[in-house]
Protein backbone atom coordinates (compact mmCIF):
# COMPACT_ATOMS: atom_id res chain seq x y z
CA MET A 1 7.69 -16.96 4.69
CA ASP A 2 7.52 -20.49 3.63
CA TYR A 3 7.90 -21.23 0.11
CA ASN A 4 4.54 -23.25 0.01
CA LEU A 5 2.43 -20.90 1.76
CA TYR A 6 3.87 -18.14 -0.42
CA ASN A 7 2.89 -20.45 -3.65
CA THR A 8 -0.54 -21.06 -2.38
CA ILE A 9 -1.02 -17.17 -1.94
CA LYS A 10 -0.20 -17.12 -5.88
CA ILE A 11 -2.48 -19.80 -6.94
CA LEU A 12 -5.28 -18.65 -4.93
CA LYS A 13 -5.03 -14.82 -6.42
CA LYS A 14 -4.35 -16.45 -10.04
CA LEU A 15 -7.78 -18.53 -9.79
CA SER A 16 -9.62 -15.32 -8.43
CA GLY A 17 -9.03 -13.25 -11.28
CA SER A 18 -9.41 -9.66 -11.01
CA GLY A 19 -11.21 -9.97 -7.40
CA ASN A 20 -9.48 -11.83 -4.15
CA THR A 21 -12.20 -14.56 -3.60
CA VAL A 22 -12.20 -17.95 -4.92
CA TYR A 23 -14.65 -20.81 -4.33
CA ILE A 24 -12.84 -23.95 -4.35
CA SER A 25 -12.56 -27.53 -2.51
CA SER A 26 -9.42 -28.63 -0.95
CA GLY A 27 -9.20 -31.46 -4.01
CA GLU A 28 -9.41 -28.81 -6.66
CA LEU A 29 -6.42 -26.79 -4.63
CA ALA A 30 -4.21 -29.93 -4.29
CA GLU A 31 -4.06 -30.86 -8.06
CA GLU A 32 -3.46 -26.91 -8.51
CA LEU A 33 -0.56 -27.05 -6.04
CA GLY A 34 0.53 -30.71 -7.27
CA VAL A 35 0.23 -31.99 -3.51
CA SER A 36 -2.10 -34.46 -1.47
CA GLN A 37 -5.32 -33.38 -0.19
CA GLN A 38 -4.23 -33.14 3.04
CA THR A 39 -1.39 -31.14 2.74
CA SER A 40 -3.41 -28.33 0.78
CA SER A 41 -5.98 -28.23 3.64
CA ARG A 42 -2.88 -27.84 6.13
CA PHE A 43 -1.99 -25.09 3.81
CA ILE A 44 -5.21 -23.15 4.20
CA ILE A 45 -5.39 -23.84 7.70
CA GLU A 46 -1.81 -22.09 8.11
CA LEU A 47 -2.73 -19.27 6.27
CA ALA A 48 -5.83 -18.68 8.09
CA ASP A 49 -4.31 -18.65 11.36
CA LYS A 50 -1.63 -16.09 10.28
CA LYS A 51 -4.45 -13.86 9.01
CA TYR A 52 -3.42 -14.08 5.31
CA ILE A 53 -6.99 -15.42 4.27
CA GLU A 54 -9.95 -15.70 5.54
CA ARG A 55 -12.14 -18.69 4.82
CA THR A 56 -15.94 -20.19 5.24
CA LEU A 57 -17.29 -23.52 4.22
CA GLN A 58 -19.85 -23.28 1.77
CA ASN A 59 -21.62 -26.91 0.82
CA ARG A 60 -18.45 -28.83 -0.53
CA LYS A 61 -16.59 -26.15 -1.05
CA GLN A 62 -14.39 -23.27 0.71
CA LYS A 63 -14.80 -19.79 0.02
CA ILE A 64 -11.51 -18.42 0.46
CA THR A 65 -10.28 -14.78 0.46
CA LEU A 66 -6.76 -12.85 0.10
CA LEU A 67 -6.59 -10.64 3.00
CA GLU A 68 -4.42 -7.32 2.83
CA PRO A 69 -1.50 -9.21 4.23
CA SER A 70 -1.43 -11.49 1.30
CA LEU A 71 -1.64 -8.91 -1.77
CA ASP A 72 0.81 -6.68 0.16
CA LEU A 73 3.45 -9.68 -0.20
CA LEU A 74 2.47 -10.07 -3.73
CA TYR A 75 3.18 -6.43 -4.47
CA SER A 76 5.99 -6.23 -2.73
CA GLU A 77 7.26 -9.17 -4.62
CA LEU A 78 6.29 -7.44 -8.18
CA ASN A 79 8.18 -4.31 -6.90
CA GLN A 80 11.36 -6.48 -6.18
CA LEU A 81 11.21 -8.24 -9.58
CA ASN A 82 11.01 -4.86 -11.75
CA SER A 83 13.38 -3.75 -9.50
CA ILE A 84 16.02 -6.08 -10.32
CA LEU A 85 15.34 -6.33 -13.77
CA GLU A 86 15.83 -2.45 -14.15
CA MET A 87 12.59 -1.53 -14.90
CA ARG A 88 10.96 1.75 -14.50
CA GLN A 89 8.22 1.95 -12.60
CA GLU A 90 6.35 5.21 -12.74
CA PHE A 91 2.40 5.02 -11.89
CA ASN A 92 -0.50 7.43 -12.37
CA LEU A 93 -3.14 7.76 -9.32
CA LYS A 94 -6.16 9.81 -9.98
CA GLY A 95 -8.79 10.25 -7.00
CA GLU A 96 -10.41 13.68 -5.68
CA ILE A 97 -9.33 16.06 -2.83
CA GLN A 98 -10.90 15.72 0.37
CA SER A 99 -10.46 17.75 3.73
CA GLY A 100 -8.08 16.00 6.48
CA LEU A 101 -9.32 16.29 10.30
CA GLY A 102 -6.39 18.54 10.89
CA GLU A 103 -3.65 16.36 12.31
CA GLY A 104 -1.38 16.39 8.95
CA LYS A 105 -0.31 19.82 10.54
CA TYR A 106 0.59 18.63 13.85
CA TYR A 107 2.52 15.64 12.82
CA ILE A 108 4.42 17.18 9.80
CA SER A 109 5.47 19.80 12.20
CA GLN A 110 7.17 17.67 14.53
CA GLU A 111 10.83 18.39 14.97
CA GLY A 112 11.79 14.60 14.61
CA TYR A 113 9.80 14.58 10.87
CA MET A 114 11.52 17.63 9.57
CA ALA A 115 14.76 17.13 10.36
CA GLN A 116 14.79 13.79 8.50
CA PHE A 117 12.56 15.72 5.59
CA LEU A 118 15.21 17.86 4.80
CA ASP A 119 18.04 15.21 5.00
CA LYS A 120 16.21 12.30 3.52
CA LEU A 121 13.61 14.54 0.63
CA GLY A 122 15.37 17.92 0.26
CA ILE A 123 12.55 19.84 1.26
CA SER A 124 11.04 21.70 4.44
CA PRO A 125 7.32 20.25 3.97
CA TYR A 126 4.24 23.28 4.34
CA PRO A 127 2.97 22.42 7.66
CA GLY A 128 0.16 20.36 6.52
CA THR A 129 -1.37 17.62 4.22
CA LEU A 130 -3.26 17.51 1.30
CA ASN A 131 -5.57 14.39 1.37
CA ILE A 132 -6.81 12.46 -1.93
CA LYS A 133 -9.62 9.92 -1.87
CA ILE A 134 -8.20 7.43 -4.28
CA PHE A 135 -11.04 6.55 -7.27
CA PRO A 136 -11.43 2.17 -6.82
CA GLU A 137 -10.17 1.54 -10.47
CA TYR A 138 -6.68 2.85 -9.20
CA GLU A 139 -6.58 0.52 -5.68
CA ASN A 140 -4.14 -2.05 -7.49
CA VAL A 141 -1.99 0.70 -8.58
CA LEU A 142 -2.29 2.29 -4.81
CA ARG A 143 -1.48 -1.20 -3.35
CA ARG A 144 1.66 -1.72 -5.88
CA ILE A 145 2.79 1.66 -4.66
CA ARG A 146 1.92 0.92 -0.84
CA SER A 147 3.84 -2.18 -1.04
CA ALA A 148 7.40 -0.82 -2.31
CA ASP A 149 10.30 -0.02 -0.30
CA GLY A 150 10.04 4.19 -0.52
CA ILE A 151 12.16 6.38 1.51
CA HIS A 152 12.23 5.32 5.20
CA ILE A 153 11.53 8.12 7.42
CA GLY A 154 12.13 6.96 11.13
CA GLY A 155 9.68 7.13 13.94
CA PHE A 156 10.94 8.98 17.35
CA LYS A 157 9.98 9.74 20.86
CA ASP A 158 9.27 12.72 22.68
CA LYS A 159 8.71 13.34 26.30
CA GLU A 160 4.94 12.76 25.70
CA ARG A 161 4.51 10.03 22.98
CA THR A 162 5.94 7.64 20.33
CA PHE A 163 5.48 8.80 16.68
CA GLY A 164 5.58 6.24 13.93
CA GLY A 165 7.59 5.87 11.05
CA VAL A 166 6.70 6.45 7.28
CA LYS A 167 7.88 5.86 3.96
CA CYS A 168 7.53 8.37 1.27
CA PHE A 169 7.37 8.22 -2.52
CA SER A 170 8.43 10.86 -5.08
CA GLY A 171 5.31 12.61 -7.00
CA ARG A 172 4.53 15.66 -9.18
CA ILE A 173 0.77 17.09 -9.55
CA ASP A 174 0.50 19.50 -12.39
CA GLY A 175 4.43 19.60 -12.99
CA THR A 176 5.04 20.45 -9.50
CA GLY A 177 6.91 18.23 -7.13
CA ALA A 178 5.38 16.23 -4.01
CA TRP A 179 6.07 13.24 -1.97
CA LEU A 180 3.47 11.15 -0.91
CA ILE A 181 3.57 9.44 2.46
CA PHE A 182 2.32 5.96 4.14
CA PRO A 183 2.43 5.55 8.04
CA GLU A 184 4.12 2.22 8.33
CA ARG A 185 2.22 -0.64 10.32
CA SER A 186 -1.29 1.11 9.14
CA ASN A 187 -4.16 -0.57 7.97
CA TYR A 188 -5.20 -0.36 4.51
CA THR A 189 -7.04 3.00 3.38
CA ASP A 190 -7.81 4.56 0.16
CA ILE A 191 -6.83 8.05 1.30
CA VAL A 192 -3.19 9.22 0.44
CA GLU A 193 -1.14 11.97 2.18
CA ILE A 194 0.80 14.23 0.14
CA ILE A 195 3.22 16.90 1.46
CA SER A 196 5.36 19.32 -0.49
CA ASP A 197 7.32 22.27 0.47
CA LYS A 198 4.86 24.16 -1.29
CA PHE A 199 1.32 25.21 0.24
CA LEU A 200 -0.60 23.16 -2.93
CA ARG A 201 -3.97 24.04 -2.30
CA LYS A 202 -3.19 27.94 -2.57
CA ASP A 203 -0.50 27.48 -5.56
CA LEU A 204 -2.93 25.15 -7.66
CA LYS A 205 -5.58 26.96 -6.81
CA LEU A 206 -7.30 23.42 -5.45
CA GLN A 207 -10.31 22.53 -3.27
CA ASP A 208 -12.43 19.98 -1.72
CA GLY A 209 -13.92 18.02 -4.64
CA ASP A 210 -11.47 18.74 -7.37
CA GLU A 211 -10.28 15.40 -9.38
CA LEU A 212 -6.22 15.54 -9.08
CA ASN A 213 -3.90 13.20 -11.39
CA ILE A 214 -0.51 12.55 -9.25
CA ARG A 215 2.37 10.88 -11.09
CA VAL A 216 4.52 8.72 -8.65
CA ALA A 217 7.70 7.20 -9.21
CA LEU A 218 9.07 4.04 -7.26
CA ASP A 219 12.49 4.93 -8.36
CA HIS A 220 14.61 7.50 -6.96
């Protein structure tokens, strides 16, 4: 991404504080960026066209909201800096167990995935996923994890359809090893899917509605 656009995203995030929305005029933004008002307007228009922000005019100011691609970009940069500085990256996620739609078993059981899970993760997963709805107060932690590289599991094709790639992150639940998996090129969701070589619901005596703490490592 162009540095000027990236810097504009950073400034907008700084001004928005703990939220993702800021009310600002082109002149005020120009002053923050150290550029002309015309240039700041051009940056905003370009970011809106590329779906990094959403903007509406309100009186003499603009309401600018940072969209998912902007947040992913910022958290990705944060992860890269931590990696460069060799800072250990471990996080806690908390959420509530929910039943899925039963699709996890179908996808996890595909040979194209199973072979890569064994090769790259060192496990033959139980056929199914444990689904956790992450609590809102852990949303930024989840964004940071999702924006990291993880371990890549490549997509593939069979005779009937195409299966997309996923990325995986090592985790632990009550001392039991597990992997968080995220489909690539998917929209943001607060539902996390977890795989393990164990039947987690049975082994850990889990049921829908239980609160769960997951320790996640970005370093492998």
